[in-house]
Amino acid sequence: MPQSVLEQAASDQEEDQVTPGTKAPPPGFLADYITRQVVRDTPEEREAVQVLAQRLVEDYGYPKTHVQTHPQFRVRRSPADKAKSYPVDIAVFNCAEKTEADLFLIAECKRKNEQDGLAQLDIPRP
């Protein structure tokens, strides 16, 4: 029988426990909260992406299997575009398959005090 969303989220949190003998990421890198993949430790990654990803799972109950951080999910610039050329920092899906049709929420994260986020949201009008 498939697990409910809450059961999956609880299972994800159990997997987050630090395993004795595991190696810490090298200096300048960190382990992604969702995938445990080693990624570059930038202010945006540390202060925004990782914090929001953890809150989505622990505070809001999204299963890790429904969240994608690395590799970044790519979206189209507009509905008419064919190519998915824009990476998003965090994508949340309705199911674990992570298809465009199941995309539920996207988040573009910025480090604290970053002011250029609004320009990224501005879609040029033809």
C-alpha atoms as a PDB file:
ATOM      1  CA  MET A   1       0.000   0.000   0.000  1.00  0.00           C
ATOM      2  CA  PRO A   2       1.442   3.434  -0.920  1.00  0.00           C
ATOM      3  CA  GLN A   3       2.552   5.687   1.919  1.00  0.00           C
ATOM      4  CA  SER A   4       0.550   8.797   2.688  1.00  0.00           C
ATOM      5  CA  VAL A   5       2.268  12.169   2.316  1.00  0.00           C
ATOM      6  CA  LEU A   6       2.651  12.441   6.106  1.00  0.00           C
ATOM      7  CA  GLU A   7       4.106   8.928   6.409  1.00  0.00           C
ATOM      8  CA  GLN A   8       6.576   9.708   3.596  1.00  0.00           C
ATOM      9  CA  ALA A   9       7.623  12.981   5.263  1.00  0.00           C
ATOM     10  CA  ALA A  10       8.217  11.173   8.576  1.00  0.00           C
ATOM     11  CA  SER A  11      10.297   8.559   6.783  1.00  0.00           C
ATOM     12  CA  ASP A  12      12.332  11.321   5.099  1.00  0.00           C
ATOM     13  CA  GLN A  13      13.118  12.916   8.459  1.00  0.00           C
ATOM     14  CA  GLU A  14      14.384   9.589   9.823  1.00  0.00           C
ATOM     15  CA  GLU A  15      16.790   9.321   6.880  1.00  0.00           C
ATOM     16  CA  ASP A  16      18.279  12.727   7.792  1.00  0.00           C
ATOM     17  CA  GLN A  17      19.959  11.403  10.896  1.00  0.00           C
ATOM     18  CA  VAL A  18      23.742  11.685  10.622  1.00  0.00           C
ATOM     19  CA  THR A  19      25.286   8.313   9.969  1.00  0.00           C
ATOM     20  CA  PRO A  20      28.462   7.657  11.974  1.00  0.00           C
ATOM     21  CA  GLY A  21      31.493   7.442   9.718  1.00  0.00           C
ATOM     22  CA  THR A  22      30.076   9.562   6.902  1.00  0.00           C
ATOM     23  CA  LYS A  23      32.403  12.169   5.485  1.00  0.00           C
ATOM     24  CA  ALA A  24      31.673  15.865   5.835  1.00  0.00           C
ATOM     25  CA  PRO A  25      31.708  17.858   2.591  1.00  0.00           C
ATOM     26  CA  PRO A  26      35.038  19.539   1.795  1.00  0.00           C
ATOM     27  CA  PRO A  27      35.540  23.206   2.745  1.00  0.00           C
ATOM     28  CA  GLY A  28      33.480  25.497   0.540  1.00  0.00           C
ATOM     29  CA  PHE A  29      30.799  22.850  -0.044  1.00  0.00           C
ATOM     30  CA  LEU A  30      27.745  21.534   1.795  1.00  0.00           C
ATOM     31  CA  ALA A  31      25.401  18.557   1.551  1.00  0.00           C
ATOM     32  CA  ASP A  32      22.088  19.426  -0.069  1.00  0.00           C
ATOM     33  CA  TYR A  33      19.234  18.852   2.406  1.00  0.00           C
ATOM     34  CA  ILE A  34      17.038  17.068  -0.148  1.00  0.00           C
ATOM     35  CA  THR A  35      19.491  14.954  -2.165  1.00  0.00           C
ATOM     36  CA  ARG A  36      22.555  14.868   0.134  1.00  0.00           C
ATOM     37  CA  GLN A  37      24.490  15.792  -3.036  1.00  0.00           C
ATOM     38  CA  VAL A  38      27.574  17.916  -2.368  1.00  0.00           C
ATOM     39  CA  VAL A  39      27.011  21.444  -3.712  1.00  0.00           C
ATOM     40  CA  ARG A  40      28.950  24.708  -3.594  1.00  0.00           C
ATOM     41  CA  ASP A  41      28.435  26.600  -0.315  1.00  0.00           C
ATOM     42  CA  THR A  42      27.298  30.049  -1.445  1.00  0.00           C
ATOM     43  CA  PRO A  43      25.354  32.582   0.650  1.00  0.00           C
ATOM     44  CA  GLU A  44      22.248  31.970  -1.499  1.00  0.00           C
ATOM     45  CA  GLU A  45      22.547  28.200  -1.149  1.00  0.00           C
ATOM     46  CA  ARG A  46      23.236  28.236   2.608  1.00  0.00           C
ATOM     47  CA  GLU A  47      20.918  31.081   3.707  1.00  0.00           C
ATOM     48  CA  ALA A  48      17.980  30.560   1.371  1.00  0.00           C
ATOM     49  CA  VAL A  49      17.792  27.345  -0.681  1.00  0.00           C
ATOM     50  CA  GLN A  50      18.752  24.940   2.108  1.00  0.00           C
ATOM     51  CA  VAL A  51      16.695  26.773   4.741  1.00  0.00           C
ATOM     52  CA  LEU A  52      13.544  26.837   2.600  1.00  0.00           C
ATOM     53  CA  ALA A  53      13.980  23.215   1.467  1.00  0.00           C
ATOM     54  CA  GLN A  54      14.243  22.098   5.097  1.00  0.00           C
ATOM     55  CA  ARG A  55      11.184  24.147   6.096  1.00  0.00           C
ATOM     56  CA  LEU A  56       9.136  22.716   3.220  1.00  0.00           C
ATOM     57  CA  VAL A  57       9.844  19.201   4.510  1.00  0.00           C
ATOM     58  CA  GLU A  58       9.916  19.659   8.278  1.00  0.00           C
ATOM     59  CA  ASP A  59       7.422  22.492   8.804  1.00  0.00           C
ATOM     60  CA  TYR A  60       5.022  22.063   5.888  1.00  0.00           C
ATOM     61  CA  GLY A  61       5.156  18.277   5.506  1.00  0.00           C
ATOM     62  CA  TYR A  62       6.195  17.924   1.859  1.00  0.00           C
ATOM     63  CA  PRO A  63       7.956  14.593   1.291  1.00  0.00           C
ATOM     64  CA  LYS A  64      11.540  14.908   0.089  1.00  0.00           C
ATOM     65  CA  THR A  65      10.580  12.717  -2.853  1.00  0.00           C
ATOM     66  CA  HIS A  66       8.298  15.542  -4.052  1.00  0.00           C
ATOM     67  CA  VAL A  67      10.941  18.299  -3.771  1.00  0.00           C
ATOM     68  CA  GLN A  68      13.772  18.962  -6.226  1.00  0.00           C
ATOM     69  CA  THR A  69      16.744  21.196  -5.511  1.00  0.00           C
ATOM     70  CA  HIS A  70      19.747  19.611  -7.251  1.00  0.00           C
ATOM     71  CA  PRO A  71      19.966  19.180 -10.138  1.00  0.00           C
ATOM     72  CA  GLN A  72      17.776  22.234 -10.625  1.00  0.00           C
ATOM     73  CA  PHE A  73      14.458  21.676 -12.379  1.00  0.00           C
ATOM     74  CA  ARG A  74      14.137  23.778 -15.537  1.00  0.00           C
ATOM     75  CA  VAL A  75      11.020  25.624 -16.662  1.00  0.00           C
ATOM     76  CA  ARG A  76       9.967  27.431 -19.814  1.00  0.00           C
ATOM     77  CA  ARG A  77      10.323  31.191 -20.032  1.00  0.00           C
ATOM     78  CA  SER A  78       6.727  31.413 -21.257  1.00  0.00           C
ATOM     79  CA  PRO A  79       4.006  28.837 -22.005  1.00  0.00           C
ATOM     80  CA  ALA A  80       4.674  29.194 -25.751  1.00  0.00           C
ATOM     81  CA  ASP A  81       8.376  28.294 -25.440  1.00  0.00           C
ATOM     82  CA  LYS A  82       9.451  24.769 -26.316  1.00  0.00           C
ATOM     83  CA  ALA A  83      12.736  24.712 -24.413  1.00  0.00           C
ATOM     84  CA  LYS A  84      12.922  24.496 -20.636  1.00  0.00           C
ATOM     85  CA  SER A  85      15.841  26.846 -20.203  1.00  0.00           C
ATOM     86  CA  TYR A  86      15.338  28.538 -16.825  1.00  0.00           C
ATOM     87  CA  PRO A  87      16.543  26.693 -13.701  1.00  0.00           C
ATOM     88  CA  VAL A  88      14.574  27.157 -10.476  1.00  0.00           C
ATOM     89  CA  ASP A  89      16.109  26.811  -7.030  1.00  0.00           C
ATOM     90  CA  ILE A  90      13.344  24.648  -5.564  1.00  0.00           C
ATOM     91  CA  ALA A  91      10.526  22.811  -7.315  1.00  0.00           C
ATOM     92  CA  VAL A  92       7.727  21.021  -5.428  1.00  0.00           C
ATOM     93  CA  PHE A  93       5.604  18.432  -7.211  1.00  0.00           C
ATOM     94  CA  ASN A  94       2.281  16.700  -6.523  1.00  0.00           C
ATOM     95  CA  CYS A  95       3.998  13.303  -6.748  1.00  0.00           C
ATOM     96  CA  ALA A  96       7.431  11.696  -6.814  1.00  0.00           C
ATOM     97  CA  GLU A  97       7.584  11.495 -10.633  1.00  0.00           C
ATOM     98  CA  LYS A  98       8.555  15.196 -10.854  1.00  0.00           C
ATOM     99  CA  THR A  99       7.110  15.944 -14.267  1.00  0.00           C
ATOM    100  CA  GLU A 100       6.140  19.368 -15.575  1.00  0.00           C
ATOM    101  CA  ALA A 101       2.469  18.364 -15.404  1.00  0.00           C
ATOM    102  CA  ASP A 102       2.864  17.608 -11.682  1.00  0.00           C
ATOM    103  CA  LEU A 103       4.706  20.856 -10.829  1.00  0.00           C
ATOM    104  CA  PHE A 104       2.925  22.441  -7.864  1.00  0.00           C
ATOM    105  CA  LEU A 105       5.222  25.204  -6.603  1.00  0.00           C
ATOM    106  CA  ILE A 106       8.497  26.845  -7.609  1.00  0.00           C
ATOM    107  CA  ALA A 107      10.807  28.986  -5.506  1.00  0.00           C
ATOM    108  CA  GLU A 108      13.576  31.299  -6.669  1.00  0.00           C
ATOM    109  CA  CYS A 109      15.740  31.974  -3.635  1.00  0.00           C
ATOM    110  CA  LYS A 110      17.981  34.917  -2.813  1.00  0.00           C
ATOM    111  CA  ARG A 111      20.480  35.373  -0.032  1.00  0.00           C
ATOM    112  CA  LYS A 112      19.697  37.885   2.681  1.00  0.00           C
ATOM    113  CA  ASN A 113      19.847  41.508   1.541  1.00  0.00           C
ATOM    114  CA  GLU A 114      19.864  40.541  -2.153  1.00  0.00           C
ATOM    115  CA  GLN A 115      18.081  43.185  -4.208  1.00  0.00           C
ATOM    116  CA  ASP A 116      18.133  41.784  -7.759  1.00  0.00           C
ATOM    117  CA  GLY A 117      15.329  39.230  -7.417  1.00  0.00           C
ATOM    118  CA  LEU A 118      12.630  41.478  -8.861  1.00  0.00           C
ATOM    119  CA  ALA A 119      14.510  41.872 -12.139  1.00  0.00           C
ATOM    120  CA  GLN A 120      14.516  38.092 -12.567  1.00  0.00           C
ATOM    121  CA  LEU A 121      10.736  38.010 -12.225  1.00  0.00           C
ATOM    122  CA  ASP A 122      10.151  40.696 -14.830  1.00  0.00           C
ATOM    123  CA  ILE A 123       9.015  39.065 -18.071  1.00  0.00           C
ATOM    124  CA  PRO A 124       9.722  41.254 -21.099  1.00  0.00           C
ATOM    125  CA  ARG A 125       6.575  42.001 -23.057  1.00  0.00           C
ATOM    126  CA  PRO A 126       6.698  41.580 -26.859  1.00  0.00           C
END
